[in-house]
Amino acid sequence: MTVDYLRVIFTLVFTFSVLAVAANLLVILVFAGTRHLRIKYYAFVFNLALADLGFASVASVYPWYNKNSTVEDLLQICSIVNALTVLAVAINRYLALSLMPPSRYDALVKSVRLFIVCVLMWCFAIGVTVPQMLGSTINSFDVFHAVVRSIGEIIVWSITTVVYVLVFFKIKRYAPPLAESPAIDTDVEQNDTRYRQTRRMLVTFSIICAVSLVCWIPADVNILIVFYNQDILQVNWGFRVYYAVALLVYSLNALADPVIYWWRLPGFREAAYGLVCRCFRKDRSNDLNVRSGNEHTITDTAM
């Protein structure tokens, strides 16, 4: 019974992870292949898609290597980058509203600097994980992954939630300046555009933050409970059900983000439609060329 129970859970985890790999690959291809999306406004979306792709790729082999410390470490690296990226979006949008006129923000927040921030996120995640990974014993590994990581993730997501609330209060108090003379019409228009972009991006990432909390916190609580009461999975049927549901929801996080991009980012949705349509047209064109070649071959043979 237990074997069948675990097989069903791990099969679903594998399925969700494979779908997440495909979805995030599509996201990366769309952003990398569409010129008007290769801007600093979407830099953190691209970084989050990379983190989700890495997480889903590792999670797809988790059913077979669920007790392998390297798999746990790779999942941790991707999850740290995920959380830091969502936090960075809130800070970035806060700067976009605080630094006026918009030229001040553009002078401070450049594409190269955003790229460096993304690289630093990955370096920090690797730097936190690798030393513990190389110098750990079985007990220290359990303490680090069960206690330090779980509590750390809960703290980071709590801080991220607070930052998003503060930025929304900033948006609520924000009043775009009125154009008192034709000379500042351009600045007013830029301020209004920046305000609309900030609000849309923050709503999008607030949804991502909320979904991440729903997906991650139950799993973190699970790990803490099992660490302090290792027999609970064997003696408590209700907790086994909760454990299974939390594991499945946890694996859905990397799949949920591309769905949110599709729903909330019209530019991404249109570019994805265009990419898929181009692929279908190309395949259809190749198929027609093959058929045409076959028809010419048959005609030549008949003659």
Protein backbone atom coordinates (compact mmCIF):
# COMPACT_ATOMS: atom_id res chain seq x y z
CA MET A 1 0.00 0.00 0.00
CA THR A 2 2.80 2.41 0.95
CA VAL A 3 4.71 1.59 -2.24
CA ASP A 4 1.66 2.30 -4.42
CA TYR A 5 1.00 5.49 -2.48
CA LEU A 6 4.53 6.78 -3.06
CA ARG A 7 4.48 5.70 -6.71
CA VAL A 8 1.38 7.81 -7.39
CA ILE A 9 2.90 10.85 -5.66
CA PHE A 10 6.24 10.58 -7.45
CA THR A 11 4.54 9.99 -10.80
CA LEU A 12 2.56 13.21 -10.40
CA VAL A 13 5.67 15.10 -9.26
CA PHE A 14 7.53 13.86 -12.34
CA THR A 15 4.63 14.82 -14.64
CA PHE A 16 4.30 18.33 -13.21
CA SER A 17 8.06 18.83 -13.38
CA VAL A 18 8.31 17.78 -17.04
CA LEU A 19 5.45 20.14 -17.93
CA ALA A 20 7.20 22.91 -16.00
CA VAL A 21 10.45 22.29 -17.90
CA ALA A 22 8.61 22.60 -21.23
CA ALA A 23 6.68 25.71 -20.12
CA ASN A 24 9.75 27.54 -18.81
CA LEU A 25 11.76 26.63 -21.90
CA LEU A 26 8.99 28.29 -23.93
CA VAL A 27 9.18 31.37 -21.69
CA ILE A 28 12.95 31.62 -22.14
CA LEU A 29 12.70 31.16 -25.91
CA VAL A 30 10.00 33.82 -26.18
CA PHE A 31 11.90 36.41 -24.14
CA ALA A 32 15.24 35.63 -25.79
CA GLY A 33 13.79 35.57 -29.32
CA THR A 34 11.55 38.65 -29.16
CA ARG A 35 13.31 41.98 -29.55
CA HIS A 36 10.80 44.18 -27.73
CA LEU A 37 10.87 41.82 -24.71
CA ARG A 38 14.66 41.96 -24.36
CA ILE A 39 14.50 45.03 -22.14
CA LYS A 40 15.39 45.68 -18.51
CA TYR A 41 11.68 45.81 -17.59
CA TYR A 42 11.58 42.01 -18.06
CA ALA A 43 15.09 41.17 -16.80
CA PHE A 44 13.90 39.62 -13.55
CA VAL A 45 11.13 37.69 -15.32
CA PHE A 46 13.82 36.02 -17.44
CA ASN A 47 15.91 35.26 -14.34
CA LEU A 48 12.90 33.77 -12.57
CA ALA A 49 12.19 31.58 -15.60
CA LEU A 50 15.80 30.31 -15.47
CA ALA A 51 15.41 29.50 -11.77
CA ASP A 52 12.11 27.71 -12.40
CA LEU A 53 13.66 25.77 -15.28
CA GLY A 54 16.52 24.63 -13.07
CA PHE A 55 14.17 23.72 -10.24
CA ALA A 56 11.82 21.75 -12.50
CA SER A 57 14.71 19.94 -14.21
CA VAL A 58 16.10 18.75 -10.88
CA ALA A 59 12.63 17.99 -9.50
CA SER A 60 11.95 15.71 -12.48
CA VAL A 61 14.62 13.29 -11.20
CA TYR A 62 13.64 13.73 -7.54
CA PRO A 63 11.36 10.63 -7.51
CA TRP A 64 14.43 8.44 -8.13
CA TYR A 65 16.96 10.45 -6.09
CA ASN A 66 14.81 11.82 -3.26
CA LYS A 67 17.44 10.90 -0.65
CA ASN A 68 20.38 12.28 -2.61
CA SER A 69 21.96 15.34 -0.95
CA THR A 70 23.16 16.77 -4.29
CA VAL A 71 19.59 16.86 -5.60
CA GLU A 72 18.49 18.66 -2.43
CA ASP A 73 21.32 21.17 -2.82
CA LEU A 74 20.47 21.92 -6.46
CA LEU A 75 16.82 22.42 -5.54
CA GLN A 76 17.92 24.77 -2.79
CA ILE A 77 20.07 26.88 -5.14
CA CYS A 78 17.16 27.36 -7.55
CA SER A 79 14.69 28.07 -4.75
CA ILE A 80 16.96 30.75 -3.24
CA VAL A 81 17.29 32.48 -6.63
CA ASN A 82 13.52 32.23 -7.07
CA ALA A 83 12.81 33.97 -3.76
CA LEU A 84 15.48 36.65 -4.25
CA THR A 85 14.21 37.44 -7.76
CA VAL A 86 10.65 38.03 -6.56
CA LEU A 87 12.04 40.29 -3.81
CA ALA A 88 14.22 42.15 -6.34
CA VAL A 89 11.20 42.97 -8.50
CA ALA A 90 9.52 44.79 -5.60
CA ILE A 91 12.70 46.77 -4.85
CA ASN A 92 13.18 47.61 -8.53
CA ARG A 93 9.62 48.87 -8.94
CA TYR A 94 9.92 50.89 -5.72
CA LEU A 95 12.95 52.64 -7.21
CA ALA A 96 11.02 53.23 -10.43
CA LEU A 97 8.40 55.18 -8.47
CA SER A 98 10.77 56.91 -6.05
CA LEU A 99 13.37 58.22 -8.50
CA MET A 100 11.79 61.13 -10.34
CA PRO A 101 12.01 62.23 -13.08
CA PRO A 102 12.21 58.86 -14.89
CA SER A 103 15.60 59.80 -16.32
CA ARG A 104 17.09 59.42 -12.82
CA TYR A 105 15.84 55.83 -12.61
CA ASP A 106 17.10 55.09 -16.13
CA ALA A 107 20.52 56.50 -15.25
CA LEU A 108 20.78 54.39 -12.09
CA VAL A 109 19.11 51.14 -13.15
CA LYS A 110 20.79 50.01 -16.35
CA SER A 111 20.48 46.67 -18.12
CA VAL A 112 24.10 45.77 -17.31
CA ARG A 113 23.53 46.42 -13.61
CA LEU A 114 20.40 44.28 -13.58
CA PHE A 115 22.38 41.50 -15.25
CA ILE A 116 25.04 41.81 -12.55
CA VAL A 117 22.34 41.63 -9.85
CA CYS A 118 20.99 38.42 -11.40
CA VAL A 119 24.48 36.91 -11.51
CA LEU A 120 25.04 37.89 -7.87
CA MET A 121 21.82 36.10 -6.90
CA TRP A 122 23.12 32.87 -8.40
CA CYS A 123 26.55 33.39 -6.82
CA PHE A 124 24.97 33.99 -3.42
CA ALA A 125 22.77 30.88 -3.70
CA ILE A 126 25.73 28.74 -4.74
CA GLY A 127 27.97 30.33 -2.10
CA VAL A 128 25.49 29.56 0.68
CA THR A 129 24.96 25.97 -0.44
CA VAL A 130 28.32 24.64 -1.62
CA PRO A 131 30.39 25.12 1.58
CA GLN A 132 27.79 23.29 3.65
CA MET A 133 27.56 20.64 0.95
CA LEU A 134 31.33 19.98 0.97
CA GLY A 135 31.84 19.99 4.73
CA SER A 136 28.67 18.37 6.01
CA THR A 137 28.04 15.20 7.94
CA ILE A 138 24.74 13.35 7.90
CA ASN A 139 23.52 15.19 11.01
CA SER A 140 24.63 18.64 9.87
CA PHE A 141 23.04 18.01 6.47
CA ASP A 142 19.73 17.18 8.12
CA VAL A 143 19.88 20.21 10.39
CA PHE A 144 20.80 22.56 7.55
CA HIS A 145 18.20 21.35 5.06
CA ALA A 146 15.41 20.64 7.49
CA VAL A 147 15.76 23.55 9.89
CA VAL A 148 17.96 26.32 8.49
CA ARG A 149 16.67 26.16 4.92
CA SER A 150 12.99 25.81 5.84
CA ILE A 151 13.03 28.61 8.40
CA GLY A 152 15.17 30.74 6.06
CA GLU A 153 12.68 30.35 3.22
CA ILE A 154 9.78 31.27 5.49
CA ILE A 155 11.64 34.41 6.66
CA VAL A 156 12.59 35.47 3.11
CA TRP A 157 9.05 35.08 1.80
CA SER A 158 7.69 36.96 4.82
CA ILE A 159 10.09 39.86 4.14
CA THR A 160 9.13 39.79 0.45
CA THR A 161 5.44 40.00 1.36
CA VAL A 162 6.09 43.02 3.61
CA VAL A 163 8.08 44.76 0.85
CA TYR A 164 5.24 44.24 -1.64
CA VAL A 165 2.75 45.72 0.83
CA LEU A 166 5.00 48.78 1.29
CA VAL A 167 5.35 49.27 -2.46
CA PHE A 168 1.59 49.05 -2.93
CA PHE A 169 1.16 51.76 -0.28
CA LYS A 170 3.69 53.79 -2.25
CA ILE A 171 1.60 53.31 -5.40
CA LYS A 172 -1.58 54.24 -3.55
CA ARG A 173 -0.05 57.53 -2.39
CA TYR A 174 1.53 58.23 -5.76
CA ALA A 175 -0.06 61.08 -7.73
CA PRO A 176 1.36 61.71 -11.22
CA PRO A 177 2.34 65.38 -11.59
CA LEU A 178 0.14 67.64 -13.68
CA ALA A 179 1.44 69.21 -16.85
CA GLU A 180 1.55 72.95 -16.12
CA SER A 181 3.32 73.78 -19.35
CA PRO A 182 3.88 72.12 -22.71
CA ALA A 183 7.58 71.81 -21.90
CA ILE A 184 7.01 69.06 -19.32
CA ASP A 185 4.37 67.07 -21.19
CA THR A 186 6.97 64.42 -22.03
CA ASP A 187 7.97 63.95 -18.38
CA VAL A 188 4.35 63.67 -17.30
CA GLU A 189 3.69 61.05 -19.97
CA GLN A 190 6.79 59.11 -18.89
CA ASN A 191 5.66 59.26 -15.25
CA ASP A 192 2.21 57.95 -16.15
CA THR A 193 3.71 55.14 -18.25
CA ARG A 194 6.13 54.22 -15.45
CA TYR A 195 3.23 54.18 -12.97
CA ARG A 196 1.12 51.86 -15.14
CA GLN A 197 4.06 49.54 -15.82
CA THR A 198 4.95 49.40 -12.14
CA ARG A 199 1.41 48.63 -11.09
CA ARG A 200 1.01 45.85 -13.68
CA MET A 201 4.36 44.27 -12.86
CA LEU A 202 3.74 44.45 -9.12
CA VAL A 203 0.29 42.88 -9.42
CA THR A 204 1.82 40.12 -11.56
CA PHE A 205 4.60 39.40 -9.09
CA SER A 206 2.26 39.75 -6.12
CA ILE A 207 0.29 36.87 -7.60
CA ILE A 208 3.56 34.97 -8.09
CA CYS A 209 4.51 35.73 -4.48
CA ALA A 210 1.14 34.53 -3.18
CA VAL A 211 1.30 31.34 -5.26
CA SER A 212 4.86 30.71 -4.04
CA LEU A 213 3.76 31.09 -0.43
CA VAL A 214 0.94 28.60 -0.97
CA CYS A 215 3.31 26.15 -2.69
CA TRP A 216 6.37 26.47 -0.46
CA ILE A 217 5.24 27.13 3.12
CA PRO A 218 3.32 23.83 3.58
CA ALA A 219 6.35 21.90 2.30
CA ASP A 220 8.69 23.79 4.65
CA VAL A 221 6.40 23.11 7.60
CA ASN A 222 6.30 19.44 6.52
CA ILE A 223 10.08 19.17 6.63
CA LEU A 224 10.26 20.75 10.08
CA ILE A 225 7.56 18.44 11.47
CA VAL A 226 9.20 15.31 10.06
CA PHE A 227 12.62 16.42 11.36
CA TYR A 228 11.35 16.77 14.93
CA ASN A 229 8.99 13.77 14.78
CA GLN A 230 10.45 11.22 12.39
CA ASP A 231 7.82 8.54 13.12
CA ILE A 232 4.83 10.68 12.25
CA LEU A 233 4.63 9.46 8.64
CA GLN A 234 4.28 5.88 9.83
CA VAL A 235 1.76 6.43 12.64
CA ASN A 236 -0.41 9.32 11.46
CA TRP A 237 -2.50 8.69 8.34
CA GLY A 238 -3.84 12.25 8.25
CA PHE A 239 -0.33 13.68 8.17
CA ARG A 240 0.60 11.33 5.32
CA VAL A 241 -2.23 12.83 3.27
CA TYR A 242 -1.10 16.35 4.16
CA TYR A 243 2.50 15.44 3.31
CA ALA A 244 1.46 14.12 -0.12
CA VAL A 245 -0.66 17.17 -0.93
CA ALA A 246 2.14 19.53 0.16
CA LEU A 247 4.68 17.70 -2.00
CA LEU A 248 2.43 17.88 -5.06
CA VAL A 249 1.67 21.57 -4.53
CA TYR A 250 5.39 22.25 -4.05
CA SER A 251 6.16 20.71 -7.44
CA LEU A 252 3.48 22.88 -9.08
CA ASN A 253 5.22 26.17 -8.30
CA ALA A 254 7.57 26.12 -11.30
CA LEU A 255 4.60 25.32 -13.56
CA ALA A 256 2.38 28.07 -12.15
CA ASP A 257 4.72 30.96 -13.00
CA PRO A 258 4.55 30.56 -16.83
CA VAL A 259 0.75 30.42 -16.57
CA ILE A 260 0.82 33.72 -14.67
CA TYR A 261 3.07 35.30 -17.32
CA TRP A 262 0.60 34.20 -20.00
CA TRP A 263 -2.31 35.64 -18.04
CA ARG A 264 -0.79 38.92 -16.84
CA LEU A 265 1.78 39.97 -19.49
CA PRO A 266 0.12 40.78 -22.84
CA GLY A 267 3.48 41.33 -24.55
CA PHE A 268 4.62 37.85 -23.59
CA ARG A 269 1.31 36.30 -24.64
CA GLU A 270 1.40 37.92 -28.08
CA ALA A 271 5.05 36.96 -28.61
CA ALA A 272 4.32 33.36 -27.57
CA TYR A 273 1.42 33.21 -30.03
CA GLY A 274 3.71 34.54 -32.74
CA LEU A 275 6.46 32.02 -31.96
CA VAL A 276 4.07 29.06 -31.97
CA CYS A 277 2.38 30.25 -35.17
CA ARG A 278 5.75 30.67 -36.91
CA CYS A 279 6.73 27.13 -35.93
CA PHE A 280 3.44 25.72 -37.25
CA ARG A 281 3.74 27.71 -40.49
CA LYS A 282 7.30 26.51 -40.96
CA ASP A 283 6.31 22.88 -40.37
CA ARG A 284 3.37 23.22 -42.74
CA SER A 285 5.57 24.85 -45.38
CA ASN A 286 8.11 22.03 -45.09
CA ASP A 287 5.32 19.47 -45.34
CA LEU A 288 3.94 21.14 -48.48
CA ASN A 289 7.41 21.22 -50.04
CA VAL A 290 7.85 17.51 -49.33
CA ARG A 291 4.46 16.72 -50.86
CA SER A 292 5.24 18.88 -53.88
CA GLY A 293 8.56 17.10 -54.34
CA ASN A 294 6.86 13.72 -54.11
CA GLU A 295 4.28 14.76 -56.71
CA HIS A 296 7.02 15.88 -59.12
CA THR A 297 8.82 12.57 -58.57
CA ILE A 298 5.67 10.60 -59.35
CA THR A 299 5.04 12.71 -62.46
CA ASP A 300 8.58 12.27 -63.72
CA THR A 301 8.39 8.53 -63.12
CA ALA A 302 5.11 8.27 -65.01
CA MET A 303 6.51 10.17 -67.96
